[in-house]
Amino acid sequence: MVNIGNDWDAILSDEWEKPYYINLRNFLKECISSISKAIDSEEIIKDTPIAKYANYSIADYNWMKSSHSQNKFNQENLIYKTHSGITVRSKSERIIADRLFHHGVVFRYEPMIILLGKEVYPDFVIRRTDGEIIIWEHNGLMDDTDYAYRAFEKIQRYNAAGYVQHKNLICTTERDILD
């Protein structure tokens, strides 16, 4: 690979000095300069092996990837790989995770949070740009009576802790998720 650095004139022949190429060269210099400034100011992630996270700030990336307790229940059911590289329990959760990721939404999957003194594992915890948290519960098995009852109890706990639907709580079912 040739390292051209900032010494453009040393490698360009007379052909490259035509107006078209001069304009192209200036445009490319501006692009490189803008990218360098963004990297230096940490507007985008630098020194990460995964380029797909480049739309996140370093703080957001660190929050998403930092060590945190996660749901250990039935880990063998984490079989659906998402575009962000995490594995989830259902196709619908994969759709949700992929859409969040592609829209640059900062989230964690099934992190442990303390809610009214009890450990709870929401499907997704989203961190807004102001640092506020939104909980997203996807209730995919509402046809199962026991599951529906537990989901209803969980939503009541969220409400009691100040999480309110359409404000800082999102609850979806299979009917809400369209592929």
Foldseek 3Di string as FASTA:
>chain_A
DDDCDPVVVVPDDPVCVPPVNVVVVVVVVVVVVVVVVCVVVQVFDPPDPDCLRRNEGPVLVCVQPPDFAFDPPPPVQQDCAEPVGGGDRDPLLNLVVNVCSVVNWRKYAQGWDQQPNDTDGARIWTQDPVRDIAGEHEQEPCVDPVSVVVVVVVVVSCVVRPHDDPPRYHYHYPVVRDD
